[in-house]
Amino acid sequence: MAFAAVVARTSPQGMEYLVQNTGRTEWAPVAQAAARFETLREATRAALRLPSALRAYALPAES
């Protein structure tokens, strides 16, 4: 099964994608480096667990 969603946020440089959130949140400027989630629900949950100042969202992954 292909992964269906990623977590992203906007920044002054453009879109950034969540790479990992284990202790320290890391972001990448390209979607290919993003952590993939099996469902949009899992990605939404990961986005909501981030501090509100980051304002991240779950998005469907591009194939």
N, C-alpha and C. Protein backbone atom coordinates (compact mmCIF):
# COMPACT_ATOMS: atom_id res chain seq x y z
N MET A 1 0.84 -1.19 0.00
CA MET A 1 0.00 0.00 0.00
C MET A 1 0.88 1.24 0.00
N ALA A 2 0.59 2.19 -0.85
CA ALA A 2 1.35 3.44 -0.94
C ALA A 2 0.96 4.36 0.21
N PHE A 3 1.90 5.14 0.63
CA PHE A 3 1.61 6.10 1.68
C PHE A 3 0.78 7.24 1.11
N ALA A 4 -0.16 7.76 1.89
CA ALA A 4 -1.16 8.66 1.35
C ALA A 4 -1.05 10.11 1.79
N ALA A 5 -0.26 10.44 2.83
CA ALA A 5 -0.28 11.81 3.34
C ALA A 5 1.06 12.25 3.89
N VAL A 6 1.26 13.57 3.91
CA VAL A 6 2.44 14.20 4.50
C VAL A 6 1.97 15.35 5.39
N VAL A 7 2.87 15.85 6.23
CA VAL A 7 2.60 17.03 7.06
C VAL A 7 3.43 18.17 6.50
N ALA A 8 2.78 19.31 6.27
CA ALA A 8 3.47 20.45 5.67
C ALA A 8 3.11 21.74 6.39
N ARG A 9 3.95 22.74 6.18
CA ARG A 9 3.68 24.09 6.70
C ARG A 9 4.22 25.10 5.71
N THR A 10 3.77 26.33 5.83
CA THR A 10 4.30 27.39 4.98
C THR A 10 5.33 28.18 5.78
N SER A 11 6.31 28.69 5.09
CA SER A 11 7.34 29.53 5.69
C SER A 11 7.68 30.63 4.70
N PRO A 12 8.46 31.60 5.09
CA PRO A 12 8.84 32.65 4.13
C PRO A 12 9.56 32.10 2.89
N GLN A 13 10.20 30.93 3.01
CA GLN A 13 10.89 30.32 1.87
C GLN A 13 9.96 29.47 1.01
N GLY A 14 8.73 29.25 1.43
CA GLY A 14 7.78 28.41 0.70
C GLY A 14 7.31 27.25 1.56
N MET A 15 6.85 26.18 0.91
CA MET A 15 6.37 25.01 1.64
C MET A 15 7.53 24.24 2.25
N GLU A 16 7.31 23.72 3.46
CA GLU A 16 8.27 22.84 4.12
C GLU A 16 7.51 21.60 4.58
N TYR A 17 8.17 20.46 4.55
CA TYR A 17 7.54 19.18 4.86
C TYR A 17 8.21 18.54 6.06
N LEU A 18 7.42 17.95 6.94
CA LEU A 18 7.93 17.29 8.13
C LEU A 18 8.74 16.06 7.75
N VAL A 19 10.00 16.02 8.22
CA VAL A 19 10.86 14.88 7.96
C VAL A 19 10.78 13.91 9.13
N GLN A 20 10.97 14.41 10.34
CA GLN A 20 10.83 13.56 11.52
C GLN A 20 10.50 14.43 12.71
N ASN A 21 9.83 13.84 13.66
CA ASN A 21 9.42 14.57 14.85
C ASN A 21 9.73 13.74 16.09
N THR A 22 10.96 13.29 16.21
CA THR A 22 11.37 12.52 17.38
C THR A 22 12.32 13.36 18.21
N GLY A 23 11.78 14.05 19.18
CA GLY A 23 12.59 14.91 20.03
C GLY A 23 12.79 16.28 19.42
N ARG A 24 13.22 16.32 18.17
CA ARG A 24 13.46 17.59 17.50
C ARG A 24 12.77 17.54 16.12
N THR A 25 11.94 18.52 15.86
CA THR A 25 11.21 18.56 14.59
C THR A 25 12.13 19.04 13.49
N GLU A 26 12.18 18.29 12.40
CA GLU A 26 13.01 18.66 11.25
C GLU A 26 12.12 18.83 10.03
N TRP A 27 12.45 19.83 9.21
CA TRP A 27 11.66 20.15 8.02
C TRP A 27 12.55 20.12 6.78
N ALA A 28 11.96 19.77 5.65
CA ALA A 28 12.68 19.72 4.37
C ALA A 28 11.90 20.56 3.35
N PRO A 29 12.61 21.19 2.41
CA PRO A 29 11.94 22.01 1.41
C PRO A 29 11.32 21.21 0.26
N VAL A 30 11.59 19.91 0.19
CA VAL A 30 11.06 19.09 -0.91
C VAL A 30 10.17 17.97 -0.36
N ALA A 31 9.09 17.70 -1.05
CA ALA A 31 8.12 16.70 -0.60
C ALA A 31 8.69 15.28 -0.61
N GLN A 32 9.66 15.01 -1.47
CA GLN A 32 10.22 13.67 -1.56
C GLN A 32 10.93 13.26 -0.27
N ALA A 33 11.41 14.21 0.52
CA ALA A 33 12.11 13.90 1.77
C ALA A 33 11.15 13.80 2.95
N ALA A 34 9.88 14.07 2.75
CA ALA A 34 8.91 14.11 3.84
C ALA A 34 8.61 12.73 4.41
N ALA A 35 8.31 12.71 5.70
CA ALA A 35 7.82 11.48 6.34
C ALA A 35 6.44 11.19 5.76
N ARG A 36 6.19 9.95 5.41
CA ARG A 36 4.91 9.56 4.81
C ARG A 36 4.05 8.85 5.86
N PHE A 37 2.76 9.12 5.81
CA PHE A 37 1.80 8.48 6.70
C PHE A 37 0.83 7.68 5.86
N GLU A 38 0.37 6.56 6.40
CA GLU A 38 -0.52 5.68 5.64
C GLU A 38 -1.88 6.29 5.39
N THR A 39 -2.37 7.11 6.33
CA THR A 39 -3.69 7.73 6.15
C THR A 39 -3.61 9.22 6.43
N LEU A 40 -4.57 9.94 5.91
CA LEU A 40 -4.66 11.37 6.17
C LEU A 40 -4.94 11.61 7.65
N ARG A 41 -5.65 10.70 8.28
CA ARG A 41 -5.94 10.83 9.71
C ARG A 41 -4.65 10.80 10.54
N GLU A 42 -3.74 9.88 10.23
CA GLU A 42 -2.47 9.80 10.96
C GLU A 42 -1.64 11.06 10.76
N ALA A 43 -1.63 11.59 9.55
CA ALA A 43 -0.88 12.82 9.27
C ALA A 43 -1.50 14.00 10.01
N THR A 44 -2.81 14.06 10.05
CA THR A 44 -3.50 15.14 10.78
C THR A 44 -3.16 15.07 12.26
N ARG A 45 -3.15 13.87 12.80
CA ARG A 45 -2.81 13.69 14.21
C ARG A 45 -1.39 14.17 14.50
N ALA A 46 -0.45 13.83 13.62
CA ALA A 46 0.94 14.28 13.79
C ALA A 46 1.03 15.80 13.71
N ALA A 47 0.28 16.41 12.80
CA ALA A 47 0.30 17.87 12.66
C ALA A 47 -0.28 18.54 13.90
N LEU A 48 -1.33 17.98 14.46
CA LEU A 48 -1.96 18.57 15.63
C LEU A 48 -1.12 18.41 16.89
N ARG A 49 -0.21 17.47 16.90
CA ARG A 49 0.67 17.27 18.07
C ARG A 49 1.84 18.26 18.09
N LEU A 50 2.08 18.96 17.00
CA LEU A 50 3.15 19.96 16.95
C LEU A 50 2.71 21.22 17.70
N PRO A 51 3.65 22.03 18.17
CA PRO A 51 3.28 23.29 18.82
C PRO A 51 2.46 24.17 17.86
N SER A 52 1.50 24.89 18.41
CA SER A 52 0.59 25.68 17.57
C SER A 52 1.31 26.76 16.78
N ALA A 53 2.46 27.21 17.24
CA ALA A 53 3.21 28.23 16.50
C ALA A 53 3.71 27.73 15.15
N LEU A 54 3.84 26.41 14.99
CA LEU A 54 4.32 25.85 13.72
C LEU A 54 3.24 25.81 12.66
N ARG A 55 1.98 25.73 13.05
CA ARG A 55 0.84 25.70 12.13
C ARG A 55 1.04 24.77 10.95
N ALA A 56 1.14 23.51 11.22
CA ALA A 56 1.32 22.50 10.17
C ALA A 56 -0.02 21.86 9.83
N TYR A 57 -0.08 21.33 8.62
CA TYR A 57 -1.31 20.72 8.11
C TYR A 57 -1.00 19.39 7.46
N ALA A 58 -1.99 18.51 7.44
CA ALA A 58 -1.86 17.24 6.72
C ALA A 58 -2.33 17.47 5.28
N LEU A 59 -1.57 16.94 4.34
CA LEU A 59 -1.91 17.05 2.92
C LEU A 59 -1.79 15.69 2.26
N PRO A 60 -2.60 15.43 1.26
CA PRO A 60 -2.41 14.19 0.50
C PRO A 60 -1.03 14.19 -0.14
N ALA A 61 -0.38 13.05 -0.14
CA ALA A 61 0.96 12.94 -0.74
C ALA A 61 0.85 12.89 -2.25
N GLU A 62 1.81 13.52 -2.92
CA GLU A 62 1.88 13.45 -4.36
C GLU A 62 2.51 12.13 -4.76
N SER A 63 2.06 11.53 -5.84
CA SER A 63 2.64 10.25 -6.23
C SER A 63 3.96 10.40 -6.93
